[in-house]
Amino acid sequence: MPQLNPTPWFAILMFSWLVFLTVIPNKVMSHTFTNEITALSAEKLKSDTWNWPWH
C-alpha cells in the first residue's frame, strides 16, 4: 500500500510549509492599502455621561 510510505508525503509537507512560511508572508506584508490612514486630531472629543435613573 503506497499511501503508508511516509517518505514522499513528509517531503511534500515540509516543502509546502517552507513555501507558506517564506513566500506568502512577504506577499501579504507588501500589500498596500488604497486609503491613507489619517491620524486623529490631538483634541479629545467631548463625551456626555449618562444620567439615567437605574431604578
PDB file of N, CA and C in Angstrom:
ATOM      1  N   MET A   1       0.851  -1.186   0.000  1.00  0.00           N
ATOM      2  CA  MET A   1       0.000   0.000   0.000  1.00  0.00           C
ATOM      3  C   MET A   1       0.892   1.243   0.000  1.00  0.00           C
ATOM      4  N   PRO A   2       0.955   1.979  -1.080  1.00  0.00           N
ATOM      5  CA  PRO A   2       1.899   3.094  -1.173  1.00  0.00           C
ATOM      6  C   PRO A   2       1.534   4.276  -0.286  1.00  0.00           C
ATOM      7  N   GLN A   3       0.275   4.420   0.099  1.00  0.00           N
ATOM      8  CA  GLN A   3      -0.074   5.581   0.918  1.00  0.00           C
ATOM      9  C   GLN A   3       0.454   5.457   2.344  1.00  0.00           C
ATOM     10  N   LEU A   4       0.953   4.282   2.734  1.00  0.00           N
ATOM     11  CA  LEU A   4       1.520   4.118   4.059  1.00  0.00           C
ATOM     12  C   LEU A   4       2.996   4.488   4.101  1.00  0.00           C
ATOM     13  N   ASN A   5       3.604   4.733   2.965  1.00  0.00           N
ATOM     14  CA  ASN A   5       5.013   5.120   2.915  1.00  0.00           C
ATOM     15  C   ASN A   5       5.106   6.629   3.180  1.00  0.00           C
ATOM     16  N   PRO A   6       5.669   7.054   4.324  1.00  0.00           N
ATOM     17  CA  PRO A   6       5.661   8.481   4.675  1.00  0.00           C
ATOM     18  C   PRO A   6       6.736   9.307   3.979  1.00  0.00           C
ATOM     19  N   THR A   7       7.642   8.690   3.276  1.00  0.00           N
ATOM     20  CA  THR A   7       8.777   9.426   2.749  1.00  0.00           C
ATOM     21  C   THR A   7       8.381  10.522   1.760  1.00  0.00           C
ATOM     22  N   PRO A   8       7.615  10.262   0.695  1.00  0.00           N
ATOM     23  CA  PRO A   8       7.309  11.374  -0.221  1.00  0.00           C
ATOM     24  C   PRO A   8       6.342  12.389   0.385  1.00  0.00           C
ATOM     25  N   TRP A   9       5.430  11.942   1.226  1.00  0.00           N
ATOM     26  CA  TRP A   9       4.443  12.870   1.790  1.00  0.00           C
ATOM     27  C   TRP A   9       5.075  13.795   2.818  1.00  0.00           C
ATOM     28  N   PHE A  10       6.039  13.291   3.553  1.00  0.00           N
ATOM     29  CA  PHE A  10       6.725  14.146   4.525  1.00  0.00           C
ATOM     30  C   PHE A  10       7.529  15.227   3.809  1.00  0.00           C
ATOM     31  N   ALA A  11       8.157  14.878   2.694  1.00  0.00           N
ATOM     32  CA  ALA A  11       8.906  15.876   1.918  1.00  0.00           C
ATOM     33  C   ALA A  11       7.962  16.920   1.331  1.00  0.00           C
ATOM     34  N   ILE A  12       6.802  16.491   0.859  1.00  0.00           N
ATOM     35  CA  ILE A  12       5.812  17.437   0.326  1.00  0.00           C
ATOM     36  C   ILE A  12       5.316  18.348   1.433  1.00  0.00           C
ATOM     37  N   LEU A  13       5.070  17.792   2.612  1.00  0.00           N
ATOM     38  CA  LEU A  13       4.625  18.595   3.753  1.00  0.00           C
ATOM     39  C   LEU A  13       5.668  19.639   4.136  1.00  0.00           C
ATOM     40  N   MET A  14       6.920  19.234   4.237  1.00  0.00           N
ATOM     41  CA  MET A  14       7.983  20.177   4.604  1.00  0.00           C
ATOM     42  C   MET A  14       8.170  21.257   3.536  1.00  0.00           C
ATOM     43  N   PHE A  15       8.104  20.893   2.276  1.00  0.00           N
ATOM     44  CA  PHE A  15       8.271  21.873   1.214  1.00  0.00           C
ATOM     45  C   PHE A  15       7.105  22.866   1.192  1.00  0.00           C
ATOM     46  N   SER A  16       5.893  22.370   1.403  1.00  0.00           N
ATOM     47  CA  SER A  16       4.740  23.278   1.403  1.00  0.00           C
ATOM     48  C   SER A  16       4.816  24.251   2.585  1.00  0.00           C
ATOM     49  N   TRP A  17       5.241  23.773   3.774  1.00  0.00           N
ATOM     50  CA  TRP A  17       5.378  24.679   4.904  1.00  0.00           C
ATOM     51  C   TRP A  17       6.519  25.668   4.678  1.00  0.00           C
ATOM     52  N   LEU A  18       7.545  25.241   4.003  1.00  0.00           N
ATOM     53  CA  LEU A  18       8.627  26.165   3.678  1.00  0.00           C
ATOM     54  C   LEU A  18       8.117  27.286   2.784  1.00  0.00           C
ATOM     55  N   VAL A  19       7.286  26.945   1.816  1.00  0.00           N
ATOM     56  CA  VAL A  19       6.697  27.964   0.944  1.00  0.00           C
ATOM     57  C   VAL A  19       5.773  28.864   1.741  1.00  0.00           C
ATOM     58  N   PHE A  20       4.925  28.278   2.581  1.00  0.00           N
ATOM     59  CA  PHE A  20       3.981  29.080   3.362  1.00  0.00           C
ATOM     60  C   PHE A  20       4.693  30.043   4.306  1.00  0.00           C
ATOM     61  N   LEU A  21       5.797  29.627   4.876  1.00  0.00           N
ATOM     62  CA  LEU A  21       6.471  30.462   5.872  1.00  0.00           C
ATOM     63  C   LEU A  21       7.462  31.454   5.283  1.00  0.00           C
ATOM     64  N   THR A  22       7.837  31.301   4.027  1.00  0.00           N
ATOM     65  CA  THR A  22       8.807  32.228   3.446  1.00  0.00           C
ATOM     66  C   THR A  22       8.206  33.130   2.382  1.00  0.00           C
ATOM     67  N   VAL A  23       7.440  32.593   1.480  1.00  0.00           N
ATOM     68  CA  VAL A  23       6.959  33.374   0.337  1.00  0.00           C
ATOM     69  C   VAL A  23       5.677  34.128   0.666  1.00  0.00           C
ATOM     70  N   ILE A  24       4.719  33.445   1.237  1.00  0.00           N
ATOM     71  CA  ILE A  24       3.392  34.041   1.417  1.00  0.00           C
ATOM     72  C   ILE A  24       3.394  35.208   2.414  1.00  0.00           C
ATOM     73  N   PRO A  25       4.083  35.142   3.585  1.00  0.00           N
ATOM     74  CA  PRO A  25       4.079  36.319   4.461  1.00  0.00           C
ATOM     75  C   PRO A  25       4.674  37.561   3.799  1.00  0.00           C
ATOM     76  N   ASN A  26       5.686  37.400   2.958  1.00  0.00           N
ATOM     77  CA  ASN A  26       6.250  38.556   2.264  1.00  0.00           C
ATOM     78  C   ASN A  26       5.231  39.170   1.306  1.00  0.00           C
ATOM     79  N   LYS A  27       4.464  38.332   0.632  1.00  0.00           N
ATOM     80  CA  LYS A  27       3.451  38.851  -0.276  1.00  0.00           C
ATOM     81  C   LYS A  27       2.327  39.542   0.482  1.00  0.00           C
ATOM     82  N   VAL A  28       1.949  39.010   1.618  1.00  0.00           N
ATOM     83  CA  VAL A  28       0.868  39.614   2.400  1.00  0.00           C
ATOM     84  C   VAL A  28       1.326  40.937   3.016  1.00  0.00           C
ATOM     85  N   MET A  29       2.542  40.974   3.534  1.00  0.00           N
ATOM     86  CA  MET A  29       3.023  42.188   4.184  1.00  0.00           C
ATOM     87  C   MET A  29       3.349  43.297   3.191  1.00  0.00           C
ATOM     88  N   SER A  30       3.572  42.963   1.945  1.00  0.00           N
ATOM     89  CA  SER A  30       3.852  44.002   0.957  1.00  0.00           C
ATOM     90  C   SER A  30       2.584  44.614   0.374  1.00  0.00           C
ATOM     91  N   HIS A  31       1.437  44.154   0.822  1.00  0.00           N
ATOM     92  CA  HIS A  31       0.172  44.704   0.337  1.00  0.00           C
ATOM     93  C   HIS A  31       0.031  46.150   0.783  1.00  0.00           C
ATOM     94  N   THR A  32      -0.360  47.020  -0.125  1.00  0.00           N
ATOM     95  CA  THR A  32      -0.562  48.428   0.216  1.00  0.00           C
ATOM     96  C   THR A  32      -2.045  48.735   0.195  1.00  0.00           C
ATOM     97  N   PHE A  33      -2.448  49.559   1.102  1.00  0.00           N
ATOM     98  CA  PHE A  33      -3.843  49.946   1.206  1.00  0.00           C
ATOM     99  C   PHE A  33      -4.123  51.102   0.258  1.00  0.00           C
ATOM    100  N   THR A  34      -5.332  51.163  -0.250  1.00  0.00           N
ATOM    101  CA  THR A  34      -5.696  52.255  -1.150  1.00  0.00           C
ATOM    102  C   THR A  34      -5.997  53.537  -0.387  1.00  0.00           C
ATOM    103  N   ASN A  35      -6.438  53.422   0.844  1.00  0.00           N
ATOM    104  CA  ASN A  35      -6.759  54.598   1.652  1.00  0.00           C
ATOM    105  C   ASN A  35      -5.627  54.877   2.620  1.00  0.00           C
ATOM    106  N   GLU A  36      -5.226  56.117   2.688  1.00  0.00           N
ATOM    107  CA  GLU A  36      -4.203  56.506   3.652  1.00  0.00           C
ATOM    108  C   GLU A  36      -4.851  56.646   5.034  1.00  0.00           C
ATOM    109  N   ILE A  37      -4.168  56.180   6.032  1.00  0.00           N
ATOM    110  CA  ILE A  37      -4.678  56.281   7.393  1.00  0.00           C
ATOM    111  C   ILE A  37      -4.375  57.683   7.913  1.00  0.00           C
ATOM    112  N   THR A  38      -5.401  58.393   8.337  1.00  0.00           N
ATOM    113  CA  THR A  38      -5.210  59.738   8.859  1.00  0.00           C
ATOM    114  C   THR A  38      -5.175  59.688  10.376  1.00  0.00           C
ATOM    115  N   ALA A  39      -4.275  60.429  10.948  1.00  0.00           N
ATOM    116  CA  ALA A  39      -4.162  60.479  12.399  1.00  0.00           C
ATOM    117  C   ALA A  39      -5.289  61.322  12.968  1.00  0.00           C
ATOM    118  N   LEU A  40      -5.790  60.905  14.117  1.00  0.00           N
ATOM    119  CA  LEU A  40      -6.832  61.683  14.775  1.00  0.00           C
ATOM    120  C   LEU A  40      -6.226  62.955  15.353  1.00  0.00           C
ATOM    121  N   SER A  41      -7.047  63.965  15.447  1.00  0.00           N
ATOM    122  CA  SER A  41      -6.544  65.219  15.993  1.00  0.00           C
ATOM    123  C   SER A  41      -6.218  65.053  17.475  1.00  0.00           C
ATOM    124  N   ALA A  42      -5.401  65.960  17.988  1.00  0.00           N
ATOM    125  CA  ALA A  42      -4.967  65.871  19.378  1.00  0.00           C
ATOM    126  C   ALA A  42      -6.091  66.223  20.343  1.00  0.00           C
ATOM    127  N   GLU A  43      -7.127  66.887  19.840  1.00  0.00           N
ATOM    128  CA  GLU A  43      -8.225  67.257  20.728  1.00  0.00           C
ATOM    129  C   GLU A  43      -9.041  66.028  21.079  1.00  0.00           C
ATOM    130  N   LYS A  44      -9.394  65.948  22.354  1.00  0.00           N
ATOM    131  CA  LYS A  44     -10.209  64.824  22.789  1.00  0.00           C
ATOM    132  C   LYS A  44     -11.672  65.193  22.590  1.00  0.00           C
ATOM    133  N   LEU A  45     -12.413  64.287  22.029  1.00  0.00           N
ATOM    134  CA  LEU A  45     -13.827  64.551  21.806  1.00  0.00           C
ATOM    135  C   LEU A  45     -14.579  64.542  23.124  1.00  0.00           C
ATOM    136  N   LYS A  46     -15.539  65.466  23.232  1.00  0.00           N
ATOM    137  CA  LYS A  46     -16.315  65.550  24.466  1.00  0.00           C
ATOM    138  C   LYS A  46     -17.386  64.469  24.435  1.00  0.00           C
ATOM    139  N   SER A  47     -17.424  63.704  25.489  1.00  0.00           N
ATOM    140  CA  SER A  47     -18.444  62.661  25.582  1.00  0.00           C
ATOM    141  C   SER A  47     -19.354  62.970  26.756  1.00  0.00           C
ATOM    142  N   ASP A  48     -20.626  62.860  26.520  1.00  0.00           N
ATOM    143  CA  ASP A  48     -21.596  63.110  27.585  1.00  0.00           C
ATOM    144  C   ASP A  48     -21.802  61.838  28.393  1.00  0.00           C
ATOM    145  N   THR A  49     -21.981  62.016  29.680  1.00  0.00           N
ATOM    146  CA  THR A  49     -22.233  60.852  30.529  1.00  0.00           C
ATOM    147  C   THR A  49     -23.733  60.580  30.578  1.00  0.00           C
ATOM    148  N   TRP A  50     -24.078  59.362  30.877  1.00  0.00           N
ATOM    149  CA  TRP A  50     -25.483  59.002  31.002  1.00  0.00           C
ATOM    150  C   TRP A  50     -25.970  59.364  32.393  1.00  0.00           C
ATOM    151  N   ASN A  51     -27.081  60.057  32.439  1.00  0.00           N
ATOM    152  CA  ASN A  51     -27.692  60.398  33.724  1.00  0.00           C
ATOM    153  C   ASN A  51     -29.030  59.678  33.859  1.00  0.00           C
ATOM    154  N   TRP A  52     -29.059  58.418  33.516  1.00  0.00           N
ATOM    155  CA  TRP A  52     -30.305  57.664  33.574  1.00  0.00           C
ATOM    156  C   TRP A  52     -30.557  57.153  34.971  1.00  0.00           C
ATOM    157  N   PRO A  53     -31.800  57.215  35.395  1.00  0.00           N
ATOM    158  CA  PRO A  53     -32.115  56.556  36.665  1.00  0.00           C
ATOM    159  C   PRO A  53     -32.153  55.038  36.458  1.00  0.00           C
ATOM    160  N   TRP A  54     -31.426  54.316  37.274  1.00  0.00           N
ATOM    161  CA  TRP A  54     -31.322  52.875  37.083  1.00  0.00           C
ATOM    162  C   TRP A  54     -32.274  52.096  37.971  1.00  0.00           C
ATOM    163  N   HIS A  55     -33.189  52.750  38.641  1.00  0.00           N
ATOM    164  CA  HIS A  55     -34.129  52.009  39.488  1.00  0.00           C
ATOM    165  C   HIS A  55     -35.538  52.259  39.066  1.00  0.00           C
TER     166      HIS A  55
END
